[in-house]
Amino acid sequence: MAPALAIIAAFLYGVSMITARIGLQHMDTFSGALISMFFSFIGSLLLIIFWVPIGHFANWALIYFIMAGLSGPCIGRFLLFIGINRVGSSIASALYSIKPLFSAFAAVLILGENLTTEIALATVMMVAGLAMVSSKQSAKQVENTWSKKDLIFPILAGAAYGLAHVFRKIGLNINHEPLMGVAVQNVAALSISLTLAFFRKNQRQLASNHRKAWVLFGLSGIFSVLGQLLLFHALNIGSVVIVSPLSAISPLFVIAMAAIFLKKSEHVTWKLIFGTVLIVGGTILLALFPDR
């Protein structure tokens, strides 16, 4: 059940990235990320009001969920949106998916989870696929060119999200309430983001008149919070070393959707396709040989 939830979460994250990519054609990165997190916050607020008893917040899990919100939806989303804006959704989503490396090693070191031979091999396959995808010839943007140094943004986003998986798992070990985790992390992420917006020198220039962009980033935030909800449920019943890699296959969905919806701004090449095959192979290996 956990693998299936993680894969569906990956699909929702993929849809979130595609809508954000389209939205970035009409709005700057900071404004888009802030709007996306605002809509994620609204979804989380509804979860708190209707499904999370207030007594569930009185434990140490709250601290870890706040740390997950700071690492994942906040820092991670800003970095990911910058990456999408600079190198395109296909490459950014693939490099962002390096998060299993960070979460797997952190899970083994901090949580004491098992890193079996099969899981290690699957991770290596996925990394090889990511290396193919990140090459300069894997995909090209029609609108502009990008530099190798721009790749650091989606990679750091993957590190932030990967570490957030571990914080989420620790919180869920204390309190088995996925809804609480989703709600708290998004409230924390928006709070930090609004603080950044307040101190931002050009905060008055926050875009507000692009109705289409608001809709797109709003949808991005909604799809993201739905993905988070499924991911939290997957982490609640499964281990990080399994759930994290499976939730990282969103590039497969992004590439497919980019070929359909973004063909005017992004081209998909054989290197990109071959890289995704390696990622799929690692995913299948994880599904066939779960941790023991």
Protein backbone atom coordinates (compact mmCIF):
# COMPACT_ATOMS: atom_id res chain seq x y z
CA MET A 1 0.00 0.00 0.00
CA ALA A 2 2.82 2.44 0.88
CA PRO A 3 4.51 2.08 -2.57
CA ALA A 4 1.21 2.77 -4.38
CA LEU A 5 0.56 5.88 -2.28
CA ALA A 6 4.10 7.13 -2.94
CA ILE A 7 3.71 6.70 -6.71
CA ILE A 8 0.38 8.55 -6.76
CA ALA A 9 2.00 11.30 -4.68
CA ALA A 10 4.77 11.49 -7.30
CA PHE A 11 2.15 11.96 -10.04
CA LEU A 12 0.50 14.80 -8.11
CA TYR A 13 3.89 16.45 -7.55
CA GLY A 14 4.49 16.16 -11.29
CA VAL A 15 1.23 17.91 -12.08
CA SER A 16 2.14 20.59 -9.52
CA MET A 17 5.49 21.21 -11.26
CA ILE A 18 3.94 21.44 -14.73
CA THR A 19 1.33 23.98 -13.63
CA ALA A 20 4.07 25.96 -11.87
CA ARG A 21 6.20 25.92 -15.03
CA ILE A 22 3.34 27.37 -17.06
CA GLY A 23 2.64 29.90 -14.32
CA LEU A 24 6.26 31.07 -14.33
CA GLN A 25 5.69 32.38 -17.84
CA HIS A 26 3.43 35.04 -16.31
CA MET A 27 4.89 35.68 -12.84
CA ASP A 28 8.22 35.83 -10.99
CA THR A 29 9.53 32.89 -8.97
CA PHE A 30 9.14 34.41 -5.49
CA SER A 31 5.53 35.48 -6.05
CA GLY A 32 4.62 32.13 -7.60
CA ALA A 33 6.13 30.11 -4.76
CA LEU A 34 4.37 32.30 -2.19
CA ILE A 35 0.99 31.90 -3.91
CA SER A 36 1.50 28.15 -4.22
CA MET A 37 2.30 27.86 -0.51
CA PHE A 38 -0.70 30.03 0.36
CA PHE A 39 -3.08 27.64 -1.39
CA SER A 40 -1.32 24.69 0.25
CA PHE A 41 -1.91 26.48 3.55
CA ILE A 42 -5.64 26.90 2.80
CA GLY A 43 -5.92 23.18 2.09
CA SER A 44 -4.05 22.40 5.31
CA LEU A 45 -6.29 24.75 7.29
CA LEU A 46 -9.35 22.86 6.10
CA LEU A 47 -7.72 19.61 7.21
CA ILE A 48 -7.11 21.06 10.68
CA ILE A 49 -10.67 22.37 11.07
CA PHE A 50 -12.51 19.24 9.96
CA TRP A 51 -10.24 16.26 10.64
CA VAL A 52 -7.47 16.99 13.17
CA PRO A 53 -8.43 17.03 16.89
CA ILE A 54 -6.76 19.93 18.70
CA GLY A 55 -5.33 17.54 21.31
CA HIS A 56 -3.08 15.95 18.69
CA PHE A 57 -0.90 19.07 18.60
CA ALA A 58 0.24 18.72 22.22
CA ASN A 59 3.33 16.55 21.65
CA TRP A 60 6.91 16.68 20.36
CA ALA A 61 5.83 15.64 16.86
CA LEU A 62 4.84 19.26 16.32
CA ILE A 63 8.50 20.35 16.38
CA TYR A 64 9.55 17.81 13.74
CA PHE A 65 6.63 18.68 11.46
CA ILE A 66 7.60 22.37 11.72
CA MET A 67 11.19 21.44 10.78
CA ALA A 68 9.81 19.45 7.83
CA GLY A 69 7.81 22.51 6.74
CA LEU A 70 10.89 24.71 6.88
CA SER A 71 13.02 22.21 4.95
CA GLY A 72 10.49 20.89 2.44
CA PRO A 73 7.61 23.11 1.32
CA CYS A 74 9.43 26.34 2.24
CA ILE A 75 13.12 26.21 1.27
CA GLY A 76 12.66 23.26 -1.09
CA ARG A 77 9.82 24.83 -3.08
CA PHE A 78 11.60 28.16 -3.53
CA LEU A 79 14.72 26.38 -4.81
CA LEU A 80 12.67 24.07 -7.04
CA PHE A 81 10.75 26.95 -8.63
CA ILE A 82 14.03 28.78 -9.28
CA GLY A 83 15.35 25.60 -10.92
CA ILE A 84 12.21 25.18 -13.03
CA ASN A 85 12.46 28.78 -14.16
CA ARG A 86 16.14 28.48 -15.12
CA VAL A 87 16.53 25.01 -16.66
CA GLY A 88 12.98 23.93 -17.41
CA SER A 89 10.56 21.56 -15.68
CA SER A 90 11.93 18.33 -17.21
CA ILE A 91 15.52 18.74 -16.02
CA ALA A 92 14.63 20.47 -12.75
CA SER A 93 12.17 17.77 -11.73
CA ALA A 94 14.70 15.04 -12.52
CA LEU A 95 17.52 16.63 -10.53
CA TYR A 96 15.16 17.46 -7.68
CA SER A 97 14.46 13.73 -7.50
CA ILE A 98 17.96 13.14 -6.16
CA LYS A 99 16.27 13.55 -2.78
CA PRO A 100 16.23 9.73 -2.17
CA LEU A 101 20.01 9.85 -1.77
CA PHE A 102 19.79 12.38 1.03
CA SER A 103 16.75 10.83 2.69
CA ALA A 104 18.07 7.25 2.45
CA PHE A 105 21.42 8.02 4.04
CA ALA A 106 19.79 10.22 6.68
CA ALA A 107 17.24 7.46 7.41
CA VAL A 108 20.01 4.88 7.85
CA LEU A 109 22.15 7.17 10.04
CA ILE A 110 19.37 8.79 12.10
CA LEU A 111 16.50 6.30 12.07
CA GLY A 112 18.54 3.08 11.83
CA GLU A 113 16.58 1.81 8.82
CA ASN A 114 17.90 -1.03 6.65
CA LEU A 115 19.72 -0.22 3.41
CA THR A 116 19.62 -3.55 1.58
CA THR A 117 21.66 -4.47 -1.51
CA GLU A 118 18.57 -4.19 -3.70
CA ILE A 119 17.71 -0.74 -2.39
CA ALA A 120 21.31 0.44 -2.85
CA LEU A 121 21.38 -0.90 -6.44
CA ALA A 122 18.05 0.76 -7.21
CA THR A 123 19.34 4.06 -5.85
CA VAL A 124 22.47 3.80 -8.02
CA MET A 125 20.30 3.16 -11.10
CA MET A 126 18.20 6.18 -10.30
CA VAL A 127 21.27 8.36 -9.81
CA ALA A 128 22.66 7.18 -13.17
CA GLY A 129 19.37 8.12 -14.77
CA LEU A 130 19.51 11.52 -13.13
CA ALA A 131 23.05 12.02 -14.46
CA MET A 132 21.79 11.33 -17.99
CA VAL A 133 18.91 13.72 -17.55
CA SER A 134 21.14 16.50 -16.24
CA SER A 135 23.43 16.49 -19.27
CA LYS A 136 23.35 19.58 -21.45
CA GLN A 137 21.98 17.57 -24.38
CA SER A 138 19.16 15.84 -22.51
CA ALA A 139 16.64 18.61 -22.99
CA LYS A 140 16.74 22.11 -24.39
CA GLN A 141 14.60 25.12 -23.80
CA VAL A 142 13.50 27.01 -26.85
CA GLU A 143 13.11 30.27 -24.97
CA ASN A 144 16.59 30.53 -23.41
CA THR A 145 19.77 28.67 -22.60
CA TRP A 146 20.93 27.60 -19.17
CA SER A 147 24.24 27.23 -17.40
CA LYS A 148 25.62 24.23 -15.51
CA LYS A 149 25.65 26.31 -12.33
CA ASP A 150 21.85 26.60 -12.56
CA LEU A 151 21.61 22.86 -11.81
CA ILE A 152 22.52 23.51 -8.17
CA PHE A 153 19.03 24.89 -7.44
CA PRO A 154 16.99 21.72 -8.15
CA ILE A 155 19.71 19.59 -6.51
CA LEU A 156 19.55 21.66 -3.32
CA ALA A 157 15.75 21.45 -3.52
CA GLY A 158 16.09 17.66 -3.58
CA ALA A 159 18.35 17.81 -0.51
CA ALA A 160 15.84 19.97 1.34
CA TYR A 161 12.91 17.68 0.49
CA GLY A 162 14.97 14.57 1.23
CA LEU A 163 15.81 15.80 4.73
CA ALA A 164 12.16 16.75 5.23
CA HIS A 165 11.21 13.07 4.70
CA VAL A 166 13.26 12.13 7.74
CA PHE A 167 11.73 14.88 9.90
CA ARG A 168 8.27 13.70 8.82
CA LYS A 169 9.05 10.09 9.68
CA ILE A 170 10.35 11.04 13.14
CA GLY A 171 7.20 13.09 13.74
CA LEU A 172 4.97 10.25 12.58
CA ASN A 173 6.80 7.84 14.88
CA ILE A 174 5.73 10.09 17.76
CA ASN A 175 2.21 10.80 16.52
CA HIS A 176 0.64 8.57 13.83
CA GLU A 177 -1.48 11.39 12.39
CA PRO A 178 -0.60 12.20 8.75
CA LEU A 179 -3.22 14.96 8.53
CA MET A 180 -1.59 16.79 11.41
CA GLY A 181 1.82 16.53 9.74
CA VAL A 182 0.56 17.96 6.43
CA ALA A 183 -1.25 20.80 8.17
CA VAL A 184 1.59 21.82 10.48
CA GLN A 185 4.31 21.74 7.81
CA ASN A 186 2.32 23.95 5.45
CA VAL A 187 1.43 26.44 8.17
CA ALA A 188 5.12 26.60 9.10
CA ALA A 189 6.19 26.96 5.46
CA LEU A 190 3.80 29.84 4.78
CA SER A 191 4.75 31.61 8.03
CA ILE A 192 8.45 31.55 7.13
CA SER A 193 7.68 32.59 3.54
CA LEU A 194 5.60 35.58 4.65
CA THR A 195 8.45 36.62 6.94
CA LEU A 196 10.82 36.49 3.97
CA ALA A 197 8.34 38.50 1.91
CA PHE A 198 8.18 41.17 4.61
CA PHE A 199 11.94 41.65 4.63
CA ARG A 200 12.27 41.39 0.87
CA LYS A 201 13.47 44.69 -0.57
CA ASN A 202 10.97 44.66 -3.41
CA GLN A 203 8.07 43.13 -1.49
CA ARG A 204 5.78 45.84 -2.87
CA GLN A 205 6.33 44.42 -6.32
CA LEU A 206 4.69 41.13 -5.42
CA ALA A 207 2.68 40.36 -8.53
CA SER A 208 -1.06 40.43 -7.99
CA ASN A 209 -2.63 41.31 -11.33
CA HIS A 210 -1.97 38.12 -13.29
CA ARG A 211 -5.20 36.20 -12.87
CA LYS A 212 -4.03 33.24 -14.99
CA ALA A 213 -0.83 32.93 -12.94
CA TRP A 214 -2.83 32.97 -9.68
CA VAL A 215 -4.98 30.12 -10.97
CA LEU A 216 -1.97 28.09 -12.11
CA PHE A 217 0.03 28.56 -8.91
CA GLY A 218 -3.12 27.96 -6.89
CA LEU A 219 -3.58 24.63 -8.64
CA SER A 220 0.10 23.90 -8.10
CA GLY A 221 -0.35 24.42 -4.37
CA ILE A 222 -3.48 22.26 -4.23
CA PHE A 223 -1.89 19.38 -6.14
CA SER A 224 1.16 19.69 -3.92
CA VAL A 225 -0.80 19.45 -0.68
CA LEU A 226 -2.70 16.41 -2.01
CA GLY A 227 0.64 14.81 -2.84
CA GLN A 228 1.90 15.64 0.65
CA LEU A 229 -1.14 14.01 2.21
CA LEU A 230 -0.57 10.76 0.32
CA LEU A 231 3.16 10.93 1.05
CA PHE A 232 2.55 11.31 4.78
CA HIS A 233 0.24 8.29 4.72
CA ALA A 234 2.91 6.32 2.84
CA LEU A 235 5.59 7.32 5.38
CA ASN A 236 3.24 6.43 8.22
CA ILE A 237 2.94 2.79 7.08
CA GLY A 238 6.24 2.37 5.19
CA SER A 239 9.95 3.10 5.59
CA VAL A 240 11.75 6.17 4.29
CA VAL A 241 14.22 4.17 2.15
CA ILE A 242 11.27 2.77 0.16
CA VAL A 243 8.80 5.66 0.13
CA SER A 244 11.32 8.40 -0.71
CA PRO A 245 12.67 6.83 -3.94
CA LEU A 246 9.19 5.93 -5.18
CA SER A 247 7.90 9.43 -4.51
CA ALA A 248 10.84 10.71 -6.57
CA ILE A 249 9.64 9.32 -9.91
CA SER A 250 7.72 12.52 -10.63
CA PRO A 251 10.13 13.29 -13.53
CA LEU A 252 8.53 10.46 -15.50
CA PHE A 253 5.17 12.18 -15.27
CA VAL A 254 6.69 15.64 -15.80
CA ILE A 255 8.48 14.57 -18.99
CA ALA A 256 5.30 13.00 -20.38
CA MET A 257 3.23 16.08 -19.58
CA ALA A 258 5.95 18.46 -20.80
CA ALA A 259 5.95 16.70 -24.18
CA ILE A 260 2.22 17.42 -24.40
CA PHE A 261 1.77 20.82 -22.76
CA LEU A 262 5.23 22.44 -23.03
CA LYS A 263 6.41 21.32 -26.45
CA LYS A 264 6.79 24.95 -27.54
CA SER A 265 9.31 25.71 -24.78
CA GLU A 266 10.96 22.35 -23.97
CA HIS A 267 12.22 19.53 -26.20
CA VAL A 268 12.53 15.93 -25.01
CA THR A 269 15.59 14.05 -26.36
CA TRP A 270 16.79 10.43 -26.31
CA LYS A 271 19.14 11.14 -23.39
CA LEU A 272 16.22 12.38 -21.35
CA ILE A 273 14.19 9.31 -22.26
CA PHE A 274 17.07 6.89 -21.51
CA GLY A 275 17.62 8.56 -18.16
CA THR A 276 13.97 8.06 -17.28
CA VAL A 277 14.26 4.37 -18.20
CA LEU A 278 17.02 3.99 -15.59
CA ILE A 279 14.86 5.77 -13.04
CA VAL A 280 11.93 3.48 -13.83
CA GLY A 281 14.21 0.46 -13.51
CA GLY A 282 15.28 1.56 -10.05
CA THR A 283 11.64 2.13 -9.13
CA ILE A 284 10.63 -1.37 -10.26
CA LEU A 285 13.53 -2.86 -8.30
CA LEU A 286 12.37 -1.07 -5.18
CA ALA A 287 8.82 -2.34 -5.68
CA LEU A 288 9.94 -5.95 -6.23
CA PHE A 289 12.42 -6.06 -3.35
CA PRO A 290 11.10 -4.04 -0.42
CA ASP A 291 13.20 -3.62 2.71
CA ARG A 292 13.35 -6.62 5.01
